[in-house]
Amino acid sequence: MYSIRKILALGFSALLGAVLGVVLSACLMVTEVAGSDMLPSLEPGEKVLILRSAFVNAYESGDLVVYQAPYYTADGGDDQLIRRVTGIRGSWIRLNCDAKTTRDREVLAEPGQLLGKVIFSFGGL
């Protein structure tokens, strides 16, 4: 039979787990690399862990970011692209692909279009 102490400990653990899950989902997101634009840095099907932009102090040249691309839809209607920061000009952030086989796809993005910074990548599951 469970004692009151064990029931309270289990309830507290469940509550703590739920709170931690909400906090982590507010700070982080996981997305899958859809295309080959970021080869050889990221492969199609690879997963990336993103620190949401609200928690990023600053973007620097060389950072990989998730970009909310206007007027673009990929296969599933997803308009989120992964790009490399190649420069910062005033309040604009210059983004480009890594793949050498693609044409120069440089874009200028406003900071509000960046959803976050890639902090970790791992193979497709």
PDB file of N, CA and C in Angstrom:
ATOM      1  N   MET A   1       0.835  -1.177   0.000  1.00  0.00           N
ATOM      2  CA  MET A   1       0.000   0.000   0.000  1.00  0.00           C
ATOM      3  C   MET A   1       0.886   1.250   0.000  1.00  0.00           C
ATOM      4  N   TYR A   2       0.467   2.248  -0.724  1.00  0.00           N
ATOM      5  CA  TYR A   2       1.242   3.485  -0.803  1.00  0.00           C
ATOM      6  C   TYR A   2       0.984   4.352   0.426  1.00  0.00           C
ATOM      7  N   SER A   3       2.056   4.924   0.926  1.00  0.00           N
ATOM      8  CA  SER A   3       1.910   5.875   2.027  1.00  0.00           C
ATOM      9  C   SER A   3       1.659   7.260   1.440  1.00  0.00           C
ATOM     10  N   ILE A   4       1.187   8.141   2.268  1.00  0.00           N
ATOM     11  CA  ILE A   4       0.937   9.524   1.837  1.00  0.00           C
ATOM     12  C   ILE A   4       2.217  10.144   1.309  1.00  0.00           C
ATOM     13  N   ARG A   5       3.329   9.840   1.938  1.00  0.00           N
ATOM     14  CA  ARG A   5       4.618  10.399   1.523  1.00  0.00           C
ATOM     15  C   ARG A   5       4.973   9.963   0.097  1.00  0.00           C
ATOM     16  N   LYS A   6       4.754   8.683  -0.227  1.00  0.00           N
ATOM     17  CA  LYS A   6       5.055   8.178  -1.570  1.00  0.00           C
ATOM     18  C   LYS A   6       4.119   8.795  -2.604  1.00  0.00           C
ATOM     19  N   ILE A   7       2.865   8.930  -2.257  1.00  0.00           N
ATOM     20  CA  ILE A   7       1.905   9.524  -3.193  1.00  0.00           C
ATOM     21  C   ILE A   7       2.269  10.979  -3.479  1.00  0.00           C
ATOM     22  N   LEU A   8       2.635  11.723  -2.447  1.00  0.00           N
ATOM     23  CA  LEU A   8       3.051  13.112  -2.630  1.00  0.00           C
ATOM     24  C   LEU A   8       4.331  13.206  -3.467  1.00  0.00           C
ATOM     25  N   ALA A   9       5.280  12.308  -3.226  1.00  0.00           N
ATOM     26  CA  ALA A   9       6.528  12.306  -3.989  1.00  0.00           C
ATOM     27  C   ALA A   9       6.256  11.998  -5.463  1.00  0.00           C
ATOM     28  N   LEU A  10       5.379  11.026  -5.744  1.00  0.00           N
ATOM     29  CA  LEU A  10       5.030  10.707  -7.125  1.00  0.00           C
ATOM     30  C   LEU A  10       4.304  11.875  -7.796  1.00  0.00           C
ATOM     31  N   GLY A  11       3.399  12.507  -7.077  1.00  0.00           N
ATOM     32  CA  GLY A  11       2.684  13.662  -7.626  1.00  0.00           C
ATOM     33  C   GLY A  11       3.618  14.825  -7.917  1.00  0.00           C
ATOM     34  N   PHE A  12       4.536  15.065  -6.984  1.00  0.00           N
ATOM     35  CA  PHE A  12       5.506  16.139  -7.178  1.00  0.00           C
ATOM     36  C   PHE A  12       6.405  15.837  -8.371  1.00  0.00           C
ATOM     37  N   SER A  13       6.847  14.586  -8.514  1.00  0.00           N
ATOM     38  CA  SER A  13       7.694  14.196  -9.642  1.00  0.00           C
ATOM     39  C   SER A  13       6.965  14.388 -10.966  1.00  0.00           C
ATOM     40  N   ALA A  14       5.692  14.009 -11.002  1.00  0.00           N
ATOM     41  CA  ALA A  14       4.906  14.180 -12.230  1.00  0.00           C
ATOM     42  C   ALA A  14       4.738  15.659 -12.558  1.00  0.00           C
ATOM     43  N   LEU A  15       4.457  16.472 -11.563  1.00  0.00           N
ATOM     44  CA  LEU A  15       4.302  17.911 -11.777  1.00  0.00           C
ATOM     45  C   LEU A  15       5.610  18.539 -12.238  1.00  0.00           C
ATOM     46  N   LEU A  16       6.715  18.165 -11.615  1.00  0.00           N
ATOM     47  CA  LEU A  16       8.022  18.681 -12.000  1.00  0.00           C
ATOM     48  C   LEU A  16       8.361  18.282 -13.438  1.00  0.00           C
ATOM     49  N   GLY A  17       8.068  17.048 -13.805  1.00  0.00           N
ATOM     50  CA  GLY A  17       8.303  16.590 -15.174  1.00  0.00           C
ATOM     51  C   GLY A  17       7.480  17.372 -16.186  1.00  0.00           C
ATOM     52  N   ALA A  18       6.216  17.637 -15.861  1.00  0.00           N
ATOM     53  CA  ALA A  18       5.355  18.411 -16.761  1.00  0.00           C
ATOM     54  C   ALA A  18       5.864  19.838 -16.920  1.00  0.00           C
ATOM     55  N   VAL A  19       6.255  20.466 -15.815  1.00  0.00           N
ATOM     56  CA  VAL A  19       6.772  21.834 -15.863  1.00  0.00           C
ATOM     57  C   VAL A  19       8.067  21.872 -16.676  1.00  0.00           C
ATOM     58  N   LEU A  20       8.943  20.922 -16.440  1.00  0.00           N
ATOM     59  CA  LEU A  20      10.204  20.862 -17.192  1.00  0.00           C
ATOM     60  C   LEU A  20       9.933  20.677 -18.688  1.00  0.00           C
ATOM     61  N   GLY A  21       8.968  19.847 -19.040  1.00  0.00           N
ATOM     62  CA  GLY A  21       8.612  19.654 -20.441  1.00  0.00           C
ATOM     63  C   GLY A  21       8.109  20.933 -21.092  1.00  0.00           C
ATOM     64  N   VAL A  22       7.290  21.691 -20.388  1.00  0.00           N
ATOM     65  CA  VAL A  22       6.774  22.957 -20.921  1.00  0.00           C
ATOM     66  C   VAL A  22       7.906  23.958 -21.100  1.00  0.00           C
ATOM     67  N   VAL A  23       8.792  24.049 -20.105  1.00  0.00           N
ATOM     68  CA  VAL A  23       9.914  24.990 -20.184  1.00  0.00           C
ATOM     69  C   VAL A  23      10.843  24.624 -21.344  1.00  0.00           C
ATOM     70  N   LEU A  24      11.170  23.348 -21.479  1.00  0.00           N
ATOM     71  CA  LEU A  24      12.047  22.925 -22.576  1.00  0.00           C
ATOM     72  C   LEU A  24      11.415  23.158 -23.939  1.00  0.00           C
ATOM     73  N   SER A  25      10.125  22.918 -24.072  1.00  0.00           N
ATOM     74  CA  SER A  25       9.489  23.137 -25.369  1.00  0.00           C
ATOM     75  C   SER A  25       9.379  24.622 -25.695  1.00  0.00           C
ATOM     76  N   ALA A  26       9.393  25.483 -24.681  1.00  0.00           N
ATOM     77  CA  ALA A  26       9.390  26.928 -24.924  1.00  0.00           C
ATOM     78  C   ALA A  26      10.766  27.404 -25.377  1.00  0.00           C
ATOM     79  N   CYS A  27      11.826  26.722 -24.944  1.00  0.00           N
ATOM     80  CA  CYS A  27      13.202  27.122 -25.253  1.00  0.00           C
ATOM     81  C   CYS A  27      13.758  26.433 -26.492  1.00  0.00           C
ATOM     82  N   LEU A  28      13.350  25.214 -26.740  1.00  0.00           N
ATOM     83  CA  LEU A  28      13.966  24.386 -27.775  1.00  0.00           C
ATOM     84  C   LEU A  28      12.928  23.834 -28.729  1.00  0.00           C
ATOM     85  N   MET A  29      13.368  23.523 -29.930  1.00  0.00           N
ATOM     86  CA  MET A  29      12.539  22.788 -30.872  1.00  0.00           C
ATOM     87  C   MET A  29      13.444  21.887 -31.704  1.00  0.00           C
ATOM     88  N   VAL A  30      12.867  20.852 -32.261  1.00  0.00           N
ATOM     89  CA  VAL A  30      13.601  19.928 -33.126  1.00  0.00           C
ATOM     90  C   VAL A  30      12.964  19.991 -34.505  1.00  0.00           C
ATOM     91  N   THR A  31      13.800  20.041 -35.513  1.00  0.00           N
ATOM     92  CA  THR A  31      13.290  20.022 -36.884  1.00  0.00           C
ATOM     93  C   THR A  31      14.176  19.114 -37.728  1.00  0.00           C
ATOM     94  N   GLU A  32      13.650  18.694 -38.834  1.00  0.00           N
ATOM     95  CA  GLU A  32      14.377  17.791 -39.737  1.00  0.00           C
ATOM     96  C   GLU A  32      14.850  18.566 -40.960  1.00  0.00           C
ATOM     97  N   VAL A  33      16.069  18.265 -41.385  1.00  0.00           N
ATOM     98  CA  VAL A  33      16.622  18.886 -42.585  1.00  0.00           C
ATOM     99  C   VAL A  33      15.901  18.274 -43.782  1.00  0.00           C
ATOM    100  N   ALA A  34      15.252  19.122 -44.588  1.00  0.00           N
ATOM    101  CA  ALA A  34      14.417  18.619 -45.674  1.00  0.00           C
ATOM    102  C   ALA A  34      15.156  18.487 -46.998  1.00  0.00           C
ATOM    103  N   GLY A  35      16.052  19.377 -47.301  1.00  0.00           N
ATOM    104  CA  GLY A  35      16.687  19.361 -48.614  1.00  0.00           C
ATOM    105  C   GLY A  35      18.190  19.262 -48.526  1.00  0.00           C
ATOM    106  N   SER A  36      18.830  19.476 -49.668  1.00  0.00           N
ATOM    107  CA  SER A  36      20.282  19.340 -49.746  1.00  0.00           C
ATOM    108  C   SER A  36      21.005  20.687 -49.767  1.00  0.00           C
ATOM    109  N   ASP A  37      20.297  21.776 -49.480  1.00  0.00           N
ATOM    110  CA  ASP A  37      20.902  23.111 -49.529  1.00  0.00           C
ATOM    111  C   ASP A  37      22.044  23.311 -48.543  1.00  0.00           C
ATOM    112  N   MET A  38      22.070  22.535 -47.470  1.00  0.00           N
ATOM    113  CA  MET A  38      23.091  22.738 -46.439  1.00  0.00           C
ATOM    114  C   MET A  38      24.187  21.670 -46.456  1.00  0.00           C
ATOM    115  N   LEU A  39      24.236  20.864 -47.514  1.00  0.00           N
ATOM    116  CA  LEU A  39      25.329  19.891 -47.652  1.00  0.00           C
ATOM    117  C   LEU A  39      26.648  20.632 -47.800  1.00  0.00           C
ATOM    118  N   PRO A  40      27.723  20.199 -47.273  1.00  0.00           N
ATOM    119  CA  PRO A  40      27.936  18.973 -46.519  1.00  0.00           C
ATOM    120  C   PRO A  40      27.730  19.131 -45.008  1.00  0.00           C
ATOM    121  N   SER A  41      27.356  20.318 -44.545  1.00  0.00           N
ATOM    122  CA  SER A  41      27.194  20.547 -43.099  1.00  0.00           C
ATOM    123  C   SER A  41      26.060  19.729 -42.501  1.00  0.00           C
ATOM    124  N   LEU A  42      24.913  19.715 -43.172  1.00  0.00           N
ATOM    125  CA  LEU A  42      23.745  18.979 -42.704  1.00  0.00           C
ATOM    126  C   LEU A  42      23.200  18.148 -43.850  1.00  0.00           C
ATOM    127  N   GLU A  43      22.863  16.901 -43.561  1.00  0.00           N
ATOM    128  CA  GLU A  43      22.355  15.986 -44.579  1.00  0.00           C
ATOM    129  C   GLU A  43      20.830  15.913 -44.521  1.00  0.00           C
ATOM    130  N   PRO A  44      20.186  15.667 -45.664  1.00  0.00           N
ATOM    131  CA  PRO A  44      18.735  15.488 -45.649  1.00  0.00           C
ATOM    132  C   PRO A  44      18.346  14.368 -44.690  1.00  0.00           C
ATOM    133  N   GLY A  45      17.309  14.597 -43.903  1.00  0.00           N
ATOM    134  CA  GLY A  45      16.857  13.610 -42.925  1.00  0.00           C
ATOM    135  C   GLY A  45      17.489  13.765 -41.564  1.00  0.00           C
ATOM    136  N   GLU A  46      18.562  14.524 -41.481  1.00  0.00           N
ATOM    137  CA  GLU A  46      19.221  14.761 -40.200  1.00  0.00           C
ATOM    138  C   GLU A  46      18.316  15.653 -39.340  1.00  0.00           C
ATOM    139  N   LYS A  47      18.335  15.444 -38.045  1.00  0.00           N
ATOM    140  CA  LYS A  47      17.559  16.258 -37.114  1.00  0.00           C
ATOM    141  C   LYS A  47      18.473  17.302 -36.488  1.00  0.00           C
ATOM    142  N   VAL A  48      17.908  18.477 -36.203  1.00  0.00           N
ATOM    143  CA  VAL A  48      18.674  19.532 -35.543  1.00  0.00           C
ATOM    144  C   VAL A  48      17.887  20.053 -34.352  1.00  0.00           C
ATOM    145  N   LEU A  49      18.622  20.377 -33.300  1.00  0.00           N
ATOM    146  CA  LEU A  49      18.048  20.966 -32.097  1.00  0.00           C
ATOM    147  C   LEU A  49      18.236  22.471 -32.202  1.00  0.00           C
ATOM    148  N   ILE A  50      17.160  23.211 -32.043  1.00  0.00           N
ATOM    149  CA  ILE A  50      17.149  24.659 -32.241  1.00  0.00           C
ATOM    150  C   ILE A  50      16.892  25.354 -30.914  1.00  0.00           C
ATOM    151  N   LEU A  51      17.735  26.331 -30.586  1.00  0.00           N
ATOM    152  CA  LEU A  51      17.470  27.223 -29.465  1.00  0.00           C
ATOM    153  C   LEU A  51      16.615  28.350 -30.013  1.00  0.00           C
ATOM    154  N   ARG A  52      15.402  28.498 -29.509  1.00  0.00           N
ATOM    155  CA  ARG A  52      14.468  29.501 -30.038  1.00  0.00           C
ATOM    156  C   ARG A  52      15.041  30.906 -29.915  1.00  0.00           C
ATOM    157  N   SER A  53      14.676  31.757 -30.860  1.00  0.00           N
ATOM    158  CA  SER A  53      15.270  33.094 -30.982  1.00  0.00           C
ATOM    159  C   SER A  53      15.084  33.947 -29.729  1.00  0.00           C
ATOM    160  N   ALA A  54      14.029  33.738 -28.980  1.00  0.00           N
ATOM    161  CA  ALA A  54      13.818  34.523 -27.757  1.00  0.00           C
ATOM    162  C   ALA A  54      14.939  34.300 -26.747  1.00  0.00           C
ATOM    163  N   PHE A  55      15.666  33.201 -26.886  1.00  0.00           N
ATOM    164  CA  PHE A  55      16.729  32.860 -25.942  1.00  0.00           C
ATOM    165  C   PHE A  55      18.123  33.030 -26.539  1.00  0.00           C
ATOM    166  N   VAL A  56      18.202  33.577 -27.756  1.00  0.00           N
ATOM    167  CA  VAL A  56      19.488  33.820 -28.413  1.00  0.00           C
ATOM    168  C   VAL A  56      19.881  35.275 -28.179  1.00  0.00           C
ATOM    169  N   ASN A  57      21.053  35.487 -27.598  1.00  0.00           N
ATOM    170  CA  ASN A  57      21.509  36.862 -27.341  1.00  0.00           C
ATOM    171  C   ASN A  57      21.832  37.597 -28.625  1.00  0.00           C
ATOM    172  N   ALA A  58      22.560  36.954 -29.525  1.00  0.00           N
ATOM    173  CA  ALA A  58      22.954  37.589 -30.789  1.00  0.00           C
ATOM    174  C   ALA A  58      23.294  36.498 -31.796  1.00  0.00           C
ATOM    175  N   TYR A  59      23.115  36.824 -33.041  1.00  0.00           N
ATOM    176  CA  TYR A  59      23.528  35.934 -34.119  1.00  0.00           C
ATOM    177  C   TYR A  59      24.870  36.421 -34.644  1.00  0.00           C
ATOM    178  N   GLU A  60      25.722  35.461 -34.985  1.00  0.00           N
ATOM    179  CA  GLU A  60      27.057  35.800 -35.488  1.00  0.00           C
ATOM    180  C   GLU A  60      27.287  35.103 -36.819  1.00  0.00           C
ATOM    181  N   SER A  61      28.206  35.635 -37.583  1.00  0.00           N
ATOM    182  CA  SER A  61      28.579  35.029 -38.849  1.00  0.00           C
ATOM    183  C   SER A  61      29.040  33.596 -38.581  1.00  0.00           C
ATOM    184  N   GLY A  62      28.537  32.663 -39.357  1.00  0.00           N
ATOM    185  CA  GLY A  62      28.874  31.254 -39.194  1.00  0.00           C
ATOM    186  C   GLY A  62      27.791  30.451 -38.490  1.00  0.00           C
ATOM    187  N   ASP A  63      26.875  31.116 -37.778  1.00  0.00           N
ATOM    188  CA  ASP A  63      25.791  30.407 -37.097  1.00  0.00           C
ATOM    189  C   ASP A  63      24.855  29.766 -38.106  1.00  0.00           C
ATOM    190  N   LEU A  64      24.334  28.595 -37.772  1.00  0.00           N
ATOM    191  CA  LEU A  64      23.254  27.984 -38.543  1.00  0.00           C
ATOM    192  C   LEU A  64      21.951  28.382 -37.876  1.00  0.00           C
ATOM    193  N   VAL A  65      21.000  28.841 -38.675  1.00  0.00           N
ATOM    194  CA  VAL A  65      19.738  29.338 -38.134  1.00  0.00           C
ATOM    195  C   VAL A  65      18.561  28.734 -38.888  1.00  0.00           C
ATOM    196  N   VAL A  66      17.408  28.743 -38.238  1.00  0.00           N
ATOM    197  CA  VAL A  66      16.164  28.395 -38.914  1.00  0.00           C
ATOM    198  C   VAL A  66      15.501  29.707 -39.279  1.00  0.00           C
ATOM    199  N   TYR A  67      15.151  29.810 -40.550  1.00  0.00           N
ATOM    200  CA  TYR A  67      14.676  31.047 -41.151  1.00  0.00           C
ATOM    201  C   TYR A  67      13.253  30.859 -41.640  1.00  0.00           C
ATOM    202  N   GLN A  68      12.371  31.770 -41.285  1.00  0.00           N
ATOM    203  CA  GLN A  68      10.986  31.752 -41.770  1.00  0.00           C
ATOM    204  C   GLN A  68      10.962  32.446 -43.121  1.00  0.00           C
ATOM    205  N   ALA A  69      10.965  31.664 -44.179  1.00  0.00           N
ATOM    206  CA  ALA A  69      11.076  32.217 -45.530  1.00  0.00           C
ATOM    207  C   ALA A  69       9.711  32.657 -46.056  1.00  0.00           C
ATOM    208  N   PRO A  70       9.575  33.940 -46.398  1.00  0.00           N
ATOM    209  CA  PRO A  70       8.309  34.374 -46.984  1.00  0.00           C
ATOM    210  C   PRO A  70       8.186  33.855 -48.416  1.00  0.00           C
ATOM    211  N   TYR A  71       6.974  33.566 -48.816  1.00  0.00           N
ATOM    212  CA  TYR A  71       6.674  33.163 -50.186  1.00  0.00           C
ATOM    213  C   TYR A  71       7.376  31.876 -50.605  1.00  0.00           C
ATOM    214  N   TYR A  72       7.641  30.975 -49.646  1.00  0.00           N
ATOM    215  CA  TYR A  72       8.308  29.716 -49.974  1.00  0.00           C
ATOM    216  C   TYR A  72       7.582  28.589 -49.277  1.00  0.00           C
ATOM    217  N   THR A  73       7.290  27.526 -49.993  1.00  0.00           N
ATOM    218  CA  THR A  73       6.738  26.337 -49.369  1.00  0.00           C
ATOM    219  C   THR A  73       7.469  25.125 -49.905  1.00  0.00           C
ATOM    220  N   ALA A  74       7.949  24.318 -49.001  1.00  0.00           N
ATOM    221  CA  ALA A  74       8.616  23.069 -49.368  1.00  0.00           C
ATOM    222  C   ALA A  74       7.549  21.992 -49.542  1.00  0.00           C
ATOM    223  N   ASP A  75       7.969  20.762 -49.646  1.00  0.00           N
ATOM    224  CA  ASP A  75       7.061  19.669 -49.961  1.00  0.00           C
ATOM    225  C   ASP A  75       5.820  19.615 -49.086  1.00  0.00           C
ATOM    226  N   GLY A  76       5.944  19.793 -47.805  1.00  0.00           N
ATOM    227  CA  GLY A  76       4.781  19.712 -46.926  1.00  0.00           C
ATOM    228  C   GLY A  76       4.158  21.053 -46.626  1.00  0.00           C
ATOM    229  N   GLY A  77       4.497  22.087 -47.368  1.00  0.00           N
ATOM    230  CA  GLY A  77       3.978  23.407 -47.089  1.00  0.00           C
ATOM    231  C   GLY A  77       4.778  24.108 -45.998  1.00  0.00           C
ATOM    232  N   ASP A  78       5.924  23.565 -45.657  1.00  0.00           N
ATOM    233  CA  ASP A  78       6.767  24.127 -44.618  1.00  0.00           C
ATOM    234  C   ASP A  78       7.600  25.256 -45.198  1.00  0.00           C
ATOM    235  N   ASP A  79       7.588  26.389 -44.532  1.00  0.00           N
ATOM    236  CA  ASP A  79       8.342  27.539 -45.032  1.00  0.00           C
ATOM    237  C   ASP A  79       9.543  27.851 -44.143  1.00  0.00           C
ATOM    238  N   GLN A  80      10.003  26.851 -43.395  1.00  0.00           N
ATOM    239  CA  GLN A  80      11.173  27.028 -42.543  1.00  0.00           C
ATOM    240  C   GLN A  80      12.394  26.427 -43.238  1.00  0.00           C
ATOM    241  N   LEU A  81      13.425  27.238 -43.373  1.00  0.00           N
ATOM    242  CA  LEU A  81      14.656  26.801 -44.023  1.00  0.00           C
ATOM    243  C   LEU A  81      15.816  26.947 -43.056  1.00  0.00           C
ATOM    244  N   ILE A  82      16.812  26.094 -43.194  1.00  0.00           N
ATOM    245  CA  ILE A  82      18.035  26.215 -42.407  1.00  0.00           C
ATOM    246  C   ILE A  82      19.073  26.883 -43.287  1.00  0.00           C
ATOM    247  N   ARG A  83      19.684  27.928 -42.766  1.00  0.00           N
ATOM    248  CA  ARG A  83      20.680  28.694 -43.512  1.00  0.00           C
ATOM    249  C   ARG A  83      21.833  29.081 -42.595  1.00  0.00           C
ATOM    250  N   ARG A  84      22.953  29.472 -43.212  1.00  0.00           N
ATOM    251  CA  ARG A  84      24.119  29.931 -42.464  1.00  0.00           C
ATOM    252  C   ARG A  84      24.154  31.462 -42.489  1.00  0.00           C
ATOM    253  N   VAL A  85      24.433  32.056 -41.335  1.00  0.00           N
ATOM    254  CA  VAL A  85      24.615  33.509 -41.271  1.00  0.00           C
ATOM    255  C   VAL A  85      25.963  33.817 -41.906  1.00  0.00           C
ATOM    256  N   THR A  86      25.947  34.658 -42.947  1.00  0.00           N
ATOM    257  CA  THR A  86      27.192  35.003 -43.633  1.00  0.00           C
ATOM    258  C   THR A  86      27.587  36.448 -43.396  1.00  0.00           C
ATOM    259  N   GLY A  87      26.757  37.186 -42.692  1.00  0.00           N
ATOM    260  CA  GLY A  87      27.094  38.565 -42.371  1.00  0.00           C
ATOM    261  C   GLY A  87      25.923  39.281 -41.740  1.00  0.00           C
ATOM    262  N   ILE A  88      26.224  40.396 -41.122  1.00  0.00           N
ATOM    263  CA  ILE A  88      25.191  41.219 -40.503  1.00  0.00           C
ATOM    264  C   ILE A  88      25.421  42.640 -40.976  1.00  0.00           C
ATOM    265  N   ARG A  89      24.372  43.235 -41.526  1.00  0.00           N
ATOM    266  CA  ARG A  89      24.456  44.579 -42.069  1.00  0.00           C
ATOM    267  C   ARG A  89      23.357  45.420 -41.417  1.00  0.00           C
ATOM    268  N   GLY A  90      23.730  46.240 -40.452  1.00  0.00           N
ATOM    269  CA  GLY A  90      22.739  47.028 -39.726  1.00  0.00           C
ATOM    270  C   GLY A  90      21.818  46.092 -38.963  1.00  0.00           C
ATOM    271  N   SER A  91      20.516  46.220 -39.209  1.00  0.00           N
ATOM    272  CA  SER A  91      19.574  45.326 -38.543  1.00  0.00           C
ATOM    273  C   SER A  91      19.217  44.123 -39.414  1.00  0.00           C
ATOM    274  N   TRP A  92      19.876  43.980 -40.565  1.00  0.00           N
ATOM    275  CA  TRP A  92      19.618  42.867 -41.466  1.00  0.00           C
ATOM    276  C   TRP A  92      20.673  41.777 -41.283  1.00  0.00           C
ATOM    277  N   ILE A  93      20.235  40.545 -41.438  1.00  0.00           N
ATOM    278  CA  ILE A  93      21.129  39.393 -41.314  1.00  0.00           C
ATOM    279  C   ILE A  93      21.199  38.716 -42.679  1.00  0.00           C
ATOM    280  N   ARG A  94      22.413  38.544 -43.187  1.00  0.00           N
ATOM    281  CA  ARG A  94      22.622  37.911 -44.497  1.00  0.00           C
ATOM    282  C   ARG A  94      22.736  36.397 -44.299  1.00  0.00           C
ATOM    283  N   LEU A  95      21.944  35.639 -45.065  1.00  0.00           N
ATOM    284  CA  LEU A  95      21.888  34.179 -44.964  1.00  0.00           C
ATOM    285  C   LEU A  95      22.209  33.557 -46.304  1.00  0.00           C
ATOM    286  N   ASN A  96      22.813  32.366 -46.264  1.00  0.00           N
ATOM    287  CA  ASN A  96      23.115  31.657 -47.498  1.00  0.00           C
ATOM    288  C   ASN A  96      23.139  30.155 -47.248  1.00  0.00           C
ATOM    289  N   CYS A  97      23.112  29.392 -48.337  1.00  0.00           N
ATOM    290  CA  CYS A  97      23.222  27.927 -48.291  1.00  0.00           C
ATOM    291  C   CYS A  97      24.688  27.533 -48.158  1.00  0.00           C
ATOM    292  N   ASP A  98      24.939  26.295 -47.734  1.00  0.00           N
ATOM    293  CA  ASP A  98      26.297  25.759 -47.701  1.00  0.00           C
ATOM    294  C   ASP A  98      26.632  24.993 -48.981  1.00  0.00           C
ATOM    295  N   ALA A  99      25.617  24.418 -49.628  1.00  0.00           N
ATOM    296  CA  ALA A  99      25.851  23.546 -50.777  1.00  0.00           C
ATOM    297  C   ALA A  99      26.515  24.302 -51.914  1.00  0.00           C
ATOM    298  N   LYS A 100      27.569  23.733 -52.444  1.00  0.00           N
ATOM    299  CA  LYS A 100      28.294  24.355 -53.559  1.00  0.00           C
ATOM    300  C   LYS A 100      27.567  24.152 -54.880  1.00  0.00           C
ATOM    301  N   THR A 101      26.649  23.187 -54.922  1.00  0.00           N
ATOM    302  CA  THR A 101      25.954  22.891 -56.170  1.00  0.00           C
ATOM    303  C   THR A 101      24.771  23.827 -56.416  1.00  0.00           C
ATOM    304  N   THR A 102      24.345  24.546 -55.409  1.00  0.00           N
ATOM    305  CA  THR A 102      23.223  25.458 -55.608  1.00  0.00           C
ATOM    306  C   THR A 102      23.724  26.807 -56.087  1.00  0.00           C
ATOM    307  N   ARG A 103      22.855  27.494 -56.790  1.00  0.00           N
ATOM    308  CA  ARG A 103      23.193  28.861 -57.178  1.00  0.00           C
ATOM    309  C   ARG A 103      23.258  29.706 -55.915  1.00  0.00           C
ATOM    310  N   ASP A 104      23.869  30.836 -56.024  1.00  0.00           N
ATOM    311  CA  ASP A 104      23.962  31.735 -54.885  1.00  0.00           C
ATOM    312  C   ASP A 104      22.547  32.105 -54.451  1.00  0.00           C
ATOM    313  N   ARG A 105      22.173  31.723 -53.259  1.00  0.00           N
ATOM    314  CA  ARG A 105      20.821  31.970 -52.750  1.00  0.00           C
ATOM    315  C   ARG A 105      20.864  32.891 -51.541  1.00  0.00           C
ATOM    316  N   GLU A 106      21.678  33.893 -51.613  1.00  0.00           N
ATOM    317  CA  GLU A 106      21.796  34.811 -50.491  1.00  0.00           C
ATOM    318  C   GLU A 106      20.496  35.586 -50.305  1.00  0.00           C
ATOM    319  N   VAL A 107      20.072  35.705 -49.047  1.00  0.00           N
ATOM    320  CA  VAL A 107      18.890  36.499 -48.715  1.00  0.00           C
ATOM    321  C   VAL A 107      19.220  37.384 -47.529  1.00  0.00           C
ATOM    322  N   LEU A 108      18.529  38.488 -47.438  1.00  0.00           N
ATOM    323  CA  LEU A 108      18.622  39.348 -46.266  1.00  0.00           C
ATOM    324  C   LEU A 108      17.361  39.139 -45.453  1.00  0.00           C
ATOM    325  N   ALA A 109      17.539  38.849 -44.171  1.00  0.00           N
ATOM    326  CA  ALA A 109      16.403  38.584 -43.300  1.00  0.00           C
ATOM    327  C   ALA A 109      16.386  39.568 -42.142  1.00  0.00           C
ATOM    328  N   GLU A 110      15.201  39.873 -41.708  1.00  0.00           N
ATOM    329  CA  GLU A 110      15.056  40.670 -40.503  1.00  0.00           C
ATOM    330  C   GLU A 110      15.177  39.724 -39.311  1.00  0.00           C
ATOM    331  N   PRO A 111      15.656  40.202 -38.178  1.00  0.00           N
ATOM    332  CA  PRO A 111      15.791  39.324 -37.014  1.00  0.00           C
ATOM    333  C   PRO A 111      14.491  38.598 -36.646  1.00  0.00           C
ATOM    334  N   GLY A 112      13.349  39.200 -36.883  1.00  0.00           N
ATOM    335  CA  GLY A 112      12.074  38.562 -36.569  1.00  0.00           C
ATOM    336  C   GLY A 112      11.761  37.354 -37.428  1.00  0.00           C
ATOM    337  N   GLN A 113      12.450  37.202 -38.558  1.00  0.00           N
ATOM    338  CA  GLN A 113      12.240  36.048 -39.423  1.00  0.00           C
ATOM    339  C   GLN A 113      13.058  34.845 -38.975  1.00  0.00           C
ATOM    340  N   LEU A 114      14.009  35.043 -38.070  1.00  0.00           N
ATOM    341  CA  LEU A 114      14.810  33.930 -37.580  1.00  0.00           C
ATOM    342  C   LEU A 114      14.084  33.289 -36.406  1.00  0.00           C
ATOM    343  N   LEU A 115      13.859  31.991 -36.507  1.00  0.00           N
ATOM    344  CA  LEU A 115      13.155  31.270 -35.461  1.00  0.00           C
ATOM    345  C   LEU A 115      14.088  30.775 -34.372  1.00  0.00           C
ATOM    346  N   GLY A 116      15.374  30.664 -34.688  1.00  0.00           N
ATOM    347  CA  GLY A 116      16.338  30.213 -33.698  1.00  0.00           C
ATOM    348  C   GLY A 116      17.639  29.781 -34.313  1.00  0.00           C
ATOM    349  N   LYS A 117      18.537  29.339 -33.429  1.00  0.00           N
ATOM    350  CA  LYS A 117      19.886  28.945 -33.824  1.00  0.00           C
ATOM    351  C   LYS A 117      20.077  27.449 -33.598  1.00  0.00           C
ATOM    352  N   VAL A 118      20.705  26.788 -34.578  1.00  0.00           N
ATOM    353  CA  VAL A 118      21.002  25.355 -34.451  1.00  0.00           C
ATOM    354  C   VAL A 118      22.101  25.193 -33.401  1.00  0.00           C
ATOM    355  N   ILE A 119      21.844  24.365 -32.401  1.00  0.00           N
ATOM    356  CA  ILE A 119      22.847  24.136 -31.349  1.00  0.00           C
ATOM    357  C   ILE A 119      23.369  22.700 -31.345  1.00  0.00           C
ATOM    358  N   PHE A 120      22.669  21.800 -32.077  1.00  0.00           N
ATOM    359  CA  PHE A 120      23.113  20.404 -32.085  1.00  0.00           C
ATOM    360  C   PHE A 120      22.450  19.711 -33.263  1.00  0.00           C
ATOM    361  N   SER A 121      23.159  18.781 -33.886  1.00  0.00           N
ATOM    362  CA  SER A 121      22.560  17.983 -34.954  1.00  0.00           C
ATOM    363  C   SER A 121      22.830  16.506 -34.664  1.00  0.00           C
ATOM    364  N   PHE A 122      21.889  15.685 -35.103  1.00  0.00           N
ATOM    365  CA  PHE A 122      22.033  14.247 -34.921  1.00  0.00           C
ATOM    366  C   PHE A 122      21.361  13.547 -36.086  1.00  0.00           C
ATOM    367  N   GLY A 123      21.797  12.327 -36.359  1.00  0.00           N
ATOM    368  CA  GLY A 123      21.321  11.585 -37.529  1.00  0.00           C
ATOM    369  C   GLY A 123      19.828  11.379 -37.522  1.00  0.00           C
ATOM    370  N   GLY A 124      19.298  11.115 -38.697  1.00  0.00           N
ATOM    371  CA  GLY A 124      17.862  10.857 -38.824  1.00  0.00           C
ATOM    372  C   GLY A 124      17.442   9.642 -38.030  1.00  0.00           C
ATOM    373  N   LEU A 125      16.235   9.673 -37.534  1.00  0.00           N
ATOM    374  CA  LEU A 125      15.720   8.553 -36.727  1.00  0.00           C
ATOM    375  C   LEU A 125      14.742   7.721 -37.514  1.00  0.00           C
TER     376      LEU A 125
END
